[in-house]
Amino acid sequence: MDIHQYQLFISNFYKKRNWYQYDSFIRTNFLTEEVGEVCRAIRTIEIGRDRPDEEKITHKKKMDNLIEELGDVLDNLFILADKYDISLEDIMINHKKKLENRYPE
């Protein structure tokens, strides 16, 4: 699946569940929450949680959790881009140009 296909899929998926209608201010709060969950997943991988009330989990489960949380972040970014009719390809192309201009070889 390419990026454009996924952006269409996730937009339709959210619309079917009435999750798409939240305005961008609310959506950025969802994004912030998901970024926090990515941070927690990385902390668990890198330094552990050190909580006696939590069961120990395998490295694979830690990595699976990180992949899941990164997906949640990605979905929120896709929805924000879709709400403003911006393709992910345009974002990548523009950002690449910015980096190349800012940091010439």
PDB file of N, CA and C in Angstrom:
ATOM      1  N   MET A   1       0.856  -1.175   0.000  1.00  0.00           N
ATOM      2  CA  MET A   1       0.000   0.000   0.000  1.00  0.00           C
ATOM      3  C   MET A   1       0.902   1.238   0.000  1.00  0.00           C
ATOM      4  N   ASP A   2       0.613   2.165  -0.885  1.00  0.00           N
ATOM      5  CA  ASP A   2       1.413   3.385  -0.894  1.00  0.00           C
ATOM      6  C   ASP A   2       0.804   4.431   0.041  1.00  0.00           C
ATOM      7  N   ILE A   3       1.512   5.507   0.234  1.00  0.00           N
ATOM      8  CA  ILE A   3       1.090   6.538   1.195  1.00  0.00           C
ATOM      9  C   ILE A   3      -0.263   7.137   0.828  1.00  0.00           C
ATOM     10  N   HIS A   4      -0.475   7.424  -0.446  1.00  0.00           N
ATOM     11  CA  HIS A   4      -1.752   8.012  -0.864  1.00  0.00           C
ATOM     12  C   HIS A   4      -2.909   7.053  -0.571  1.00  0.00           C
ATOM     13  N   GLN A   5      -2.730   5.772  -0.887  1.00  0.00           N
ATOM     14  CA  GLN A   5      -3.776   4.780  -0.610  1.00  0.00           C
ATOM     15  C   GLN A   5      -4.067   4.712   0.889  1.00  0.00           C
ATOM     16  N   TYR A   6      -3.011   4.752   1.702  1.00  0.00           N
ATOM     17  CA  TYR A   6      -3.219   4.675   3.145  1.00  0.00           C
ATOM     18  C   TYR A   6      -3.934   5.922   3.657  1.00  0.00           C
ATOM     19  N   GLN A   7      -3.562   7.087   3.149  1.00  0.00           N
ATOM     20  CA  GLN A   7      -4.229   8.320   3.577  1.00  0.00           C
ATOM     21  C   GLN A   7      -5.726   8.249   3.262  1.00  0.00           C
ATOM     22  N   LEU A   8      -6.079   7.739   2.090  1.00  0.00           N
ATOM     23  CA  LEU A   8      -7.499   7.576   1.750  1.00  0.00           C
ATOM     24  C   LEU A   8      -8.165   6.550   2.658  1.00  0.00           C
ATOM     25  N   PHE A   9      -7.483   5.437   2.900  1.00  0.00           N
ATOM     26  CA  PHE A   9      -8.025   4.405   3.777  1.00  0.00           C
ATOM     27  C   PHE A   9      -8.308   4.967   5.170  1.00  0.00           C
ATOM     28  N   ILE A  10      -7.315   5.636   5.752  1.00  0.00           N
ATOM     29  CA  ILE A  10      -7.476   6.089   7.137  1.00  0.00           C
ATOM     30  C   ILE A  10      -8.544   7.180   7.234  1.00  0.00           C
ATOM     31  N   SER A  11      -8.638   8.044   6.232  1.00  0.00           N
ATOM     32  CA  SER A  11      -9.686   9.066   6.238  1.00  0.00           C
ATOM     33  C   SER A  11     -11.067   8.422   6.193  1.00  0.00           C
ATOM     34  N   ASN A  12     -11.248   7.462   5.309  1.00  0.00           N
ATOM     35  CA  ASN A  12     -12.538   6.764   5.228  1.00  0.00           C
ATOM     36  C   ASN A  12     -12.831   5.976   6.494  1.00  0.00           C
ATOM     37  N   PHE A  13     -11.818   5.340   7.056  1.00  0.00           N
ATOM     38  CA  PHE A  13     -11.971   4.575   8.290  1.00  0.00           C
ATOM     39  C   PHE A  13     -12.464   5.483   9.415  1.00  0.00           C
ATOM     40  N   TYR A  14     -11.836   6.649   9.561  1.00  0.00           N
ATOM     41  CA  TYR A  14     -12.223   7.589  10.614  1.00  0.00           C
ATOM     42  C   TYR A  14     -13.623   8.162  10.349  1.00  0.00           C
ATOM     43  N   LYS A  15     -13.934   8.451   9.101  1.00  0.00           N
ATOM     44  CA  LYS A  15     -15.254   9.003   8.765  1.00  0.00           C
ATOM     45  C   LYS A  15     -16.363   8.013   9.100  1.00  0.00           C
ATOM     46  N   LYS A  16     -16.156   6.728   8.811  1.00  0.00           N
ATOM     47  CA  LYS A  16     -17.165   5.700   9.094  1.00  0.00           C
ATOM     48  C   LYS A  16     -17.467   5.590  10.584  1.00  0.00           C
ATOM     49  N   ARG A  17     -16.504   5.936  11.419  1.00  0.00           N
ATOM     50  CA  ARG A  17     -16.663   5.806  12.871  1.00  0.00           C
ATOM     51  C   ARG A  17     -16.971   7.145  13.556  1.00  0.00           C
ATOM     52  N   ASN A  18     -17.220   8.158  12.749  1.00  0.00           N
ATOM     53  CA  ASN A  18     -17.502   9.511  13.260  1.00  0.00           C
ATOM     54  C   ASN A  18     -16.354  10.067  14.105  1.00  0.00           C
ATOM     55  N   TRP A  19     -15.129   9.721  13.753  1.00  0.00           N
ATOM     56  CA  TRP A  19     -13.951  10.264  14.429  1.00  0.00           C
ATOM     57  C   TRP A  19     -13.344  11.412  13.636  1.00  0.00           C
ATOM     58  N   TYR A  20     -13.721  11.514  12.372  1.00  0.00           N
ATOM     59  CA  TYR A  20     -13.111  12.504  11.479  1.00  0.00           C
ATOM     60  C   TYR A  20     -13.607  13.919  11.772  1.00  0.00           C
ATOM     61  N   GLN A  21     -14.816  14.034  12.292  1.00  0.00           N
ATOM     62  CA  GLN A  21     -15.451  15.340  12.418  1.00  0.00           C
ATOM     63  C   GLN A  21     -14.812  16.240  13.455  1.00  0.00           C
ATOM     64  N   TYR A  22     -13.951  15.703  14.323  1.00  0.00           N
ATOM     65  CA  TYR A  22     -13.310  16.548  15.325  1.00  0.00           C
ATOM     66  C   TYR A  22     -12.450  17.598  14.643  1.00  0.00           C
ATOM     67  N   ASP A  23     -12.553  18.840  15.119  1.00  0.00           N
ATOM     68  CA  ASP A  23     -11.780  19.892  14.470  1.00  0.00           C
ATOM     69  C   ASP A  23     -10.286  19.723  14.754  1.00  0.00           C
ATOM     70  N   SER A  24      -9.503  20.508  14.074  1.00  0.00           N
ATOM     71  CA  SER A  24      -8.049  20.344  14.134  1.00  0.00           C
ATOM     72  C   SER A  24      -7.477  20.629  15.517  1.00  0.00           C
ATOM     73  N   PHE A  25      -8.103  21.515  16.275  1.00  0.00           N
ATOM     74  CA  PHE A  25      -7.627  21.760  17.641  1.00  0.00           C
ATOM     75  C   PHE A  25      -7.753  20.494  18.488  1.00  0.00           C
ATOM     76  N   ILE A  26      -8.887  19.826  18.372  1.00  0.00           N
ATOM     77  CA  ILE A  26      -9.085  18.576  19.103  1.00  0.00           C
ATOM     78  C   ILE A  26      -8.154  17.497  18.562  1.00  0.00           C
ATOM     79  N   ARG A  27      -8.032  17.423  17.250  1.00  0.00           N
ATOM     80  CA  ARG A  27      -7.172  16.401  16.636  1.00  0.00           C
ATOM     81  C   ARG A  27      -5.723  16.566  17.111  1.00  0.00           C
ATOM     82  N   THR A  28      -5.241  17.807  17.247  1.00  0.00           N
ATOM     83  CA  THR A  28      -3.862  17.989  17.716  1.00  0.00           C
ATOM     84  C   THR A  28      -3.721  17.546  19.170  1.00  0.00           C
ATOM     85  N   ASN A  29      -4.781  17.622  19.949  1.00  0.00           N
ATOM     86  CA  ASN A  29      -4.725  17.073  21.305  1.00  0.00           C
ATOM     87  C   ASN A  29      -4.616  15.558  21.267  1.00  0.00           C
ATOM     88  N   PHE A  30      -5.350  14.919  20.357  1.00  0.00           N
ATOM     89  CA  PHE A  30      -5.215  13.469  20.199  1.00  0.00           C
ATOM     90  C   PHE A  30      -3.788  13.125  19.780  1.00  0.00           C
ATOM     91  N   LEU A  31      -3.241  13.916  18.858  1.00  0.00           N
ATOM     92  CA  LEU A  31      -1.868  13.696  18.396  1.00  0.00           C
ATOM     93  C   LEU A  31      -0.879  13.812  19.556  1.00  0.00           C
ATOM     94  N   THR A  32      -1.051  14.826  20.379  1.00  0.00           N
ATOM     95  CA  THR A  32      -0.167  15.025  21.526  1.00  0.00           C
ATOM     96  C   THR A  32      -0.242  13.848  22.490  1.00  0.00           C
ATOM     97  N   GLU A  33      -1.438  13.361  22.727  1.00  0.00           N
ATOM     98  CA  GLU A  33      -1.615  12.190  23.599  1.00  0.00           C
ATOM     99  C   GLU A  33      -0.869  10.987  23.034  1.00  0.00           C
ATOM    100  N   GLU A  34      -0.995  10.780  21.728  1.00  0.00           N
ATOM    101  CA  GLU A  34      -0.324   9.638  21.099  1.00  0.00           C
ATOM    102  C   GLU A  34       1.193   9.792  21.111  1.00  0.00           C
ATOM    103  N   VAL A  35       1.693  11.016  20.948  1.00  0.00           N
ATOM    104  CA  VAL A  35       3.144  11.244  21.035  1.00  0.00           C
ATOM    105  C   VAL A  35       3.630  10.878  22.439  1.00  0.00           C
ATOM    106  N   GLY A  36       2.855  11.214  23.451  1.00  0.00           N
ATOM    107  CA  GLY A  36       3.203  10.825  24.817  1.00  0.00           C
ATOM    108  C   GLY A  36       3.275   9.319  24.969  1.00  0.00           C
ATOM    109  N   GLU A  37       2.377   8.601  24.307  1.00  0.00           N
ATOM    110  CA  GLU A  37       2.403   7.149  24.374  1.00  0.00           C
ATOM    111  C   GLU A  37       3.617   6.576  23.635  1.00  0.00           C
ATOM    112  N   VAL A  38       4.061   7.246  22.560  1.00  0.00           N
ATOM    113  CA  VAL A  38       5.304   6.838  21.893  1.00  0.00           C
ATOM    114  C   VAL A  38       6.472   7.024  22.856  1.00  0.00           C
ATOM    115  N   CYS A  39       6.487   8.153  23.555  1.00  0.00           N
ATOM    116  CA  CYS A  39       7.561   8.409  24.516  1.00  0.00           C
ATOM    117  C   CYS A  39       7.589   7.341  25.608  1.00  0.00           C
ATOM    118  N   ARG A  40       6.427   6.960  26.090  1.00  0.00           N
ATOM    119  CA  ARG A  40       6.360   5.927  27.116  1.00  0.00           C
ATOM    120  C   ARG A  40       6.866   4.586  26.575  1.00  0.00           C
ATOM    121  N   ALA A  41       6.501   4.264  25.342  1.00  0.00           N
ATOM    122  CA  ALA A  41       6.950   3.010  24.740  1.00  0.00           C
ATOM    123  C   ALA A  41       8.467   2.994  24.589  1.00  0.00           C
ATOM    124  N   ILE A  42       9.034   4.113  24.168  1.00  0.00           N
ATOM    125  CA  ILE A  42      10.489   4.192  24.013  1.00  0.00           C
ATOM    126  C   ILE A  42      11.173   4.121  25.372  1.00  0.00           C
ATOM    127  N   ARG A  43      10.621   4.785  26.350  1.00  0.00           N
ATOM    128  CA  ARG A  43      11.189   4.701  27.707  1.00  0.00           C
ATOM    129  C   ARG A  43      11.216   3.253  28.190  1.00  0.00           C
ATOM    130  N   THR A  44      10.130   2.536  27.944  1.00  0.00           N
ATOM    131  CA  THR A  44      10.046   1.140  28.360  1.00  0.00           C
ATOM    132  C   THR A  44      11.141   0.309  27.692  1.00  0.00           C
ATOM    133  N   ILE A  45      11.394   0.570  26.422  1.00  0.00           N
ATOM    134  CA  ILE A  45      12.439  -0.156  25.694  1.00  0.00           C
ATOM    135  C   ILE A  45      13.823   0.232  26.206  1.00  0.00           C
ATOM    136  N   GLU A  46      14.060   1.508  26.374  1.00  0.00           N
ATOM    137  CA  GLU A  46      15.409   2.006  26.657  1.00  0.00           C
ATOM    138  C   GLU A  46      15.830   1.882  28.127  1.00  0.00           C
ATOM    139  N   ILE A  47      14.950   2.249  29.042  1.00  0.00           N
ATOM    140  CA  ILE A  47      15.360   2.244  30.461  1.00  0.00           C
ATOM    141  C   ILE A  47      14.415   1.468  31.360  1.00  0.00           C
ATOM    142  N   GLY A  48      13.343   0.958  30.796  1.00  0.00           N
ATOM    143  CA  GLY A  48      12.396   0.190  31.599  1.00  0.00           C
ATOM    144  C   GLY A  48      11.419   1.088  32.332  1.00  0.00           C
ATOM    145  N   ARG A  49      10.477   0.459  32.977  1.00  0.00           N
ATOM    146  CA  ARG A  49       9.443   1.202  33.706  1.00  0.00           C
ATOM    147  C   ARG A  49       9.702   1.156  35.205  1.00  0.00           C
ATOM    148  N   ASP A  50      10.347   0.104  35.696  1.00  0.00           N
ATOM    149  CA  ASP A  50      10.680  -0.013  37.115  1.00  0.00           C
ATOM    150  C   ASP A  50       9.458   0.176  38.002  1.00  0.00           C
ATOM    151  N   ARG A  51       8.371  -0.505  37.630  1.00  0.00           N
ATOM    152  CA  ARG A  51       7.145  -0.430  38.410  1.00  0.00           C
ATOM    153  C   ARG A  51       6.790  -1.827  38.887  1.00  0.00           C
ATOM    154  N   PRO A  52       6.740  -2.035  40.197  1.00  0.00           N
ATOM    155  CA  PRO A  52       6.443  -3.375  40.709  1.00  0.00           C
ATOM    156  C   PRO A  52       5.022  -3.844  40.401  1.00  0.00           C
ATOM    157  N   ASP A  53       4.130  -2.914  40.084  1.00  0.00           N
ATOM    158  CA  ASP A  53       2.749  -3.298  39.800  1.00  0.00           C
ATOM    159  C   ASP A  53       2.516  -3.642  38.329  1.00  0.00           C
ATOM    160  N   GLU A  54       3.574  -3.576  37.509  1.00  0.00           N
ATOM    161  CA  GLU A  54       3.447  -3.927  36.093  1.00  0.00           C
ATOM    162  C   GLU A  54       4.231  -5.211  35.820  1.00  0.00           C
ATOM    163  N   GLU A  55       3.619  -6.074  35.030  1.00  0.00           N
ATOM    164  CA  GLU A  55       4.309  -7.318  34.702  1.00  0.00           C
ATOM    165  C   GLU A  55       5.427  -7.043  33.701  1.00  0.00           C
ATOM    166  N   LYS A  56       6.454  -7.855  33.753  1.00  0.00           N
ATOM    167  CA  LYS A  56       7.564  -7.750  32.810  1.00  0.00           C
ATOM    168  C   LYS A  56       7.080  -8.209  31.438  1.00  0.00           C
ATOM    169  N   ILE A  57       7.506  -7.490  30.410  1.00  0.00           N
ATOM    170  CA  ILE A  57       7.129  -7.895  29.057  1.00  0.00           C
ATOM    171  C   ILE A  57       8.385  -8.112  28.222  1.00  0.00           C
ATOM    172  N   THR A  58       8.228  -8.915  27.196  1.00  0.00           N
ATOM    173  CA  THR A  58       9.359  -9.254  26.341  1.00  0.00           C
ATOM    174  C   THR A  58       9.739  -8.075  25.456  1.00  0.00           C
ATOM    175  N   HIS A  59      10.954  -8.141  24.911  1.00  0.00           N
ATOM    176  CA  HIS A  59      11.396  -7.093  23.990  1.00  0.00           C
ATOM    177  C   HIS A  59      10.475  -7.035  22.772  1.00  0.00           C
ATOM    178  N   LYS A  60      10.035  -8.183  22.283  1.00  0.00           N
ATOM    179  CA  LYS A  60       9.127  -8.198  21.134  1.00  0.00           C
ATOM    180  C   LYS A  60       7.831  -7.461  21.447  1.00  0.00           C
ATOM    181  N   LYS A  61       7.265  -7.683  22.614  1.00  0.00           N
ATOM    182  CA  LYS A  61       6.028  -6.988  22.991  1.00  0.00           C
ATOM    183  C   LYS A  61       6.276  -5.488  23.125  1.00  0.00           C
ATOM    184  N   LYS A  62       7.443  -5.113  23.633  1.00  0.00           N
ATOM    185  CA  LYS A  62       7.784  -3.694  23.726  1.00  0.00           C
ATOM    186  C   LYS A  62       7.857  -3.069  22.328  1.00  0.00           C
ATOM    187  N   MET A  63       8.479  -3.781  21.402  1.00  0.00           N
ATOM    188  CA  MET A  63       8.595  -3.279  20.033  1.00  0.00           C
ATOM    189  C   MET A  63       7.230  -3.239  19.341  1.00  0.00           C
ATOM    190  N   ASP A  64       6.412  -4.256  19.569  1.00  0.00           N
ATOM    191  CA  ASP A  64       5.057  -4.258  19.005  1.00  0.00           C
ATOM    192  C   ASP A  64       4.265  -3.056  19.513  1.00  0.00           C
ATOM    193  N   ASN A  65       4.424  -2.729  20.785  1.00  0.00           N
ATOM    194  CA  ASN A  65       3.736  -1.578  21.352  1.00  0.00           C
ATOM    195  C   ASN A  65       4.228  -0.279  20.702  1.00  0.00           C
ATOM    196  N   LEU A  66       5.536  -0.161  20.500  1.00  0.00           N
ATOM    197  CA  LEU A  66       6.074   1.035  19.844  1.00  0.00           C
ATOM    198  C   LEU A  66       5.525   1.171  18.430  1.00  0.00           C
ATOM    199  N   ILE A  67       5.475   0.083  17.690  1.00  0.00           N
ATOM    200  CA  ILE A  67       4.929   0.123  16.333  1.00  0.00           C
ATOM    201  C   ILE A  67       3.475   0.577  16.360  1.00  0.00           C
ATOM    202  N   GLU A  68       2.707   0.045  17.298  1.00  0.00           N
ATOM    203  CA  GLU A  68       1.291   0.430  17.427  1.00  0.00           C
ATOM    204  C   GLU A  68       1.155   1.917  17.719  1.00  0.00           C
ATOM    205  N   GLU A  69       1.950   2.415  18.651  1.00  0.00           N
ATOM    206  CA  GLU A  69       1.845   3.828  19.035  1.00  0.00           C
ATOM    207  C   GLU A  69       2.318   4.754  17.912  1.00  0.00           C
ATOM    208  N   LEU A  70       3.372   4.355  17.199  1.00  0.00           N
ATOM    209  CA  LEU A  70       3.812   5.156  16.045  1.00  0.00           C
ATOM    210  C   LEU A  70       2.710   5.198  14.983  1.00  0.00           C
ATOM    211  N   GLY A  71       1.985   4.091  14.820  1.00  0.00           N
ATOM    212  CA  GLY A  71       0.857   4.063  13.891  1.00  0.00           C
ATOM    213  C   GLY A  71      -0.237   5.034  14.297  1.00  0.00           C
ATOM    214  N   ASP A  72      -0.504   5.126  15.598  1.00  0.00           N
ATOM    215  CA  ASP A  72      -1.515   6.076  16.074  1.00  0.00           C
ATOM    216  C   ASP A  72      -1.099   7.517  15.787  1.00  0.00           C
ATOM    217  N   VAL A  73       0.195   7.813  15.970  1.00  0.00           N
ATOM    218  CA  VAL A  73       0.704   9.150  15.648  1.00  0.00           C
ATOM    219  C   VAL A  73       0.548   9.408  14.152  1.00  0.00           C
ATOM    220  N   LEU A  74       0.971   8.433  13.358  1.00  0.00           N
ATOM    221  CA  LEU A  74       0.891   8.568  11.904  1.00  0.00           C
ATOM    222  C   LEU A  74      -0.543   8.830  11.446  1.00  0.00           C
ATOM    223  N   ASP A  75      -1.492   8.079  11.993  1.00  0.00           N
ATOM    224  CA  ASP A  75      -2.889   8.265  11.603  1.00  0.00           C
ATOM    225  C   ASP A  75      -3.365   9.680  11.900  1.00  0.00           C
ATOM    226  N   ASN A  76      -3.004  10.224  13.057  1.00  0.00           N
ATOM    227  CA  ASN A  76      -3.420  11.585  13.380  1.00  0.00           C
ATOM    228  C   ASN A  76      -2.790  12.596  12.439  1.00  0.00           C
ATOM    229  N   LEU A  77      -1.537  12.385  12.039  1.00  0.00           N
ATOM    230  CA  LEU A  77      -0.902  13.271  11.065  1.00  0.00           C
ATOM    231  C   LEU A  77      -1.606  13.184   9.711  1.00  0.00           C
ATOM    232  N   PHE A  78      -1.968  11.965   9.315  1.00  0.00           N
ATOM    233  CA  PHE A  78      -2.666  11.783   8.039  1.00  0.00           C
ATOM    234  C   PHE A  78      -4.013  12.493   8.057  1.00  0.00           C
ATOM    235  N   ILE A  79      -4.732  12.392   9.158  1.00  0.00           N
ATOM    236  CA  ILE A  79      -6.040  13.039   9.246  1.00  0.00           C
ATOM    237  C   ILE A  79      -5.884  14.554   9.185  1.00  0.00           C
ATOM    238  N   LEU A  80      -4.913  15.106   9.903  1.00  0.00           N
ATOM    239  CA  LEU A  80      -4.683  16.552   9.850  1.00  0.00           C
ATOM    240  C   LEU A  80      -4.353  17.004   8.430  1.00  0.00           C
ATOM    241  N   ALA A  81      -3.486  16.269   7.758  1.00  0.00           N
ATOM    242  CA  ALA A  81      -3.142  16.618   6.377  1.00  0.00           C
ATOM    243  C   ALA A  81      -4.376  16.543   5.485  1.00  0.00           C
ATOM    244  N   ASP A  82      -5.184  15.513   5.677  1.00  0.00           N
ATOM    245  CA  ASP A  82      -6.391  15.349   4.870  1.00  0.00           C
ATOM    246  C   ASP A  82      -7.375  16.486   5.098  1.00  0.00           C
ATOM    247  N   LYS A  83      -7.526  16.916   6.323  1.00  0.00           N
ATOM    248  CA  LYS A  83      -8.459  18.008   6.640  1.00  0.00           C
ATOM    249  C   LYS A  83      -8.080  19.302   5.908  1.00  0.00           C
ATOM    250  N   TYR A  84      -6.804  19.469   5.630  1.00  0.00           N
ATOM    251  CA  TYR A  84      -6.331  20.659   4.931  1.00  0.00           C
ATOM    252  C   TYR A  84      -6.006  20.369   3.467  1.00  0.00           C
ATOM    253  N   ASP A  85      -6.437  19.186   3.003  1.00  0.00           N
ATOM    254  CA  ASP A  85      -6.251  18.775   1.614  1.00  0.00           C
ATOM    255  C   ASP A  85      -4.785  18.844   1.197  1.00  0.00           C
ATOM    256  N   ILE A  86      -3.925  18.306   2.057  1.00  0.00           N
ATOM    257  CA  ILE A  86      -2.489  18.251   1.785  1.00  0.00           C
ATOM    258  C   ILE A  86      -2.109  16.783   1.627  1.00  0.00           C
ATOM    259  N   SER A  87      -1.437  16.475   0.544  1.00  0.00           N
ATOM    260  CA  SER A  87      -1.000  15.087   0.353  1.00  0.00           C
ATOM    261  C   SER A  87       0.293  14.869   1.120  1.00  0.00           C
ATOM    262  N   LEU A  88       0.484  13.644   1.573  1.00  0.00           N
ATOM    263  CA  LEU A  88       1.715  13.307   2.272  1.00  0.00           C
ATOM    264  C   LEU A  88       2.905  13.425   1.337  1.00  0.00           C
ATOM    265  N   GLU A  89       2.691  13.157   0.058  1.00  0.00           N
ATOM    266  CA  GLU A  89       3.767  13.313  -0.919  1.00  0.00           C
ATOM    267  C   GLU A  89       4.241  14.765  -0.959  1.00  0.00           C
ATOM    268  N   ASP A  90       3.294  15.710  -0.962  1.00  0.00           N
ATOM    269  CA  ASP A  90       3.659  17.132  -0.968  1.00  0.00           C
ATOM    270  C   ASP A  90       4.440  17.507   0.292  1.00  0.00           C
ATOM    271  N   ILE A  91       4.026  16.978   1.417  1.00  0.00           N
ATOM    272  CA  ILE A  91       4.743  17.250   2.668  1.00  0.00           C
ATOM    273  C   ILE A  91       6.175  16.753   2.560  1.00  0.00           C
ATOM    274  N   MET A  92       6.344  15.523   2.084  1.00  0.00           N
ATOM    275  CA  MET A  92       7.683  14.947   1.990  1.00  0.00           C
ATOM    276  C   MET A  92       8.556  15.712   0.994  1.00  0.00           C
ATOM    277  N   ILE A  93       8.000  16.044  -0.156  1.00  0.00           N
ATOM    278  CA  ILE A  93       8.762  16.775  -1.174  1.00  0.00           C
ATOM    279  C   ILE A  93       9.190  18.139  -0.638  1.00  0.00           C
ATOM    280  N   ASN A  94       8.252  18.862  -0.035  1.00  0.00           N
ATOM    281  CA  ASN A  94       8.571  20.196   0.490  1.00  0.00           C
ATOM    282  C   ASN A  94       9.575  20.129   1.630  1.00  0.00           C
ATOM    283  N   HIS A  95       9.428  19.142   2.476  1.00  0.00           N
ATOM    284  CA  HIS A  95      10.347  19.031   3.607  1.00  0.00           C
ATOM    285  C   HIS A  95      11.749  18.633   3.135  1.00  0.00           C
ATOM    286  N   LYS A  96      11.808  17.768   2.152  1.00  0.00           N
ATOM    287  CA  LYS A  96      13.103  17.382   1.588  1.00  0.00           C
ATOM    288  C   LYS A  96      13.808  18.606   1.001  1.00  0.00           C
ATOM    289  N   LYS A  97      13.063  19.425   0.256  1.00  0.00           N
ATOM    290  CA  LYS A  97      13.639  20.649  -0.324  1.00  0.00           C
ATOM    291  C   LYS A  97      14.149  21.576   0.776  1.00  0.00           C
ATOM    292  N   LYS A  98      13.359  21.729   1.815  1.00  0.00           N
ATOM    293  CA  LYS A  98      13.770  22.589   2.928  1.00  0.00           C
ATOM    294  C   LYS A  98      15.086  22.102   3.523  1.00  0.00           C
ATOM    295  N   LEU A  99      15.185  20.813   3.770  1.00  0.00           N
ATOM    296  CA  LEU A  99      16.410  20.265   4.372  1.00  0.00           C
ATOM    297  C   LEU A  99      17.607  20.409   3.442  1.00  0.00           C
ATOM    298  N   GLU A 100      17.384  20.149   2.156  1.00  0.00           N
ATOM    299  CA  GLU A 100      18.485  20.273   1.202  1.00  0.00           C
ATOM    300  C   GLU A 100      18.957  21.722   1.076  1.00  0.00           C
ATOM    301  N   ASN A 101      18.012  22.665   1.120  1.00  0.00           N
ATOM    302  CA  ASN A 101      18.390  24.085   1.060  1.00  0.00           C
ATOM    303  C   ASN A 101      19.079  24.542   2.331  1.00  0.00           C
ATOM    304  N   ARG A 102      18.611  24.061   3.432  1.00  0.00           N
ATOM    305  CA  ARG A 102      19.171  24.472   4.723  1.00  0.00           C
ATOM    306  C   ARG A 102      20.541  23.849   4.977  1.00  0.00           C
ATOM    307  N   TYR A 103      20.719  22.623   4.515  1.00  0.00           N
ATOM    308  CA  TYR A 103      21.952  21.894   4.773  1.00  0.00           C
ATOM    309  C   TYR A 103      22.571  21.396   3.458  1.00  0.00           C
ATOM    310  N   PRO A 104      23.069  22.310   2.652  1.00  0.00           N
ATOM    311  CA  PRO A 104      23.677  21.865   1.378  1.00  0.00           C
ATOM    312  C   PRO A 104      24.927  21.031   1.657  1.00  0.00           C
ATOM    313  N   GLU A 105      25.199  20.123   0.752  1.00  0.00           N
ATOM    314  CA  GLU A 105      26.342  19.219   0.961  1.00  0.00           C
ATOM    315  C   GLU A 105      27.657  19.881   0.756  1.00  0.00           C
TER     316      GLU A 105
END
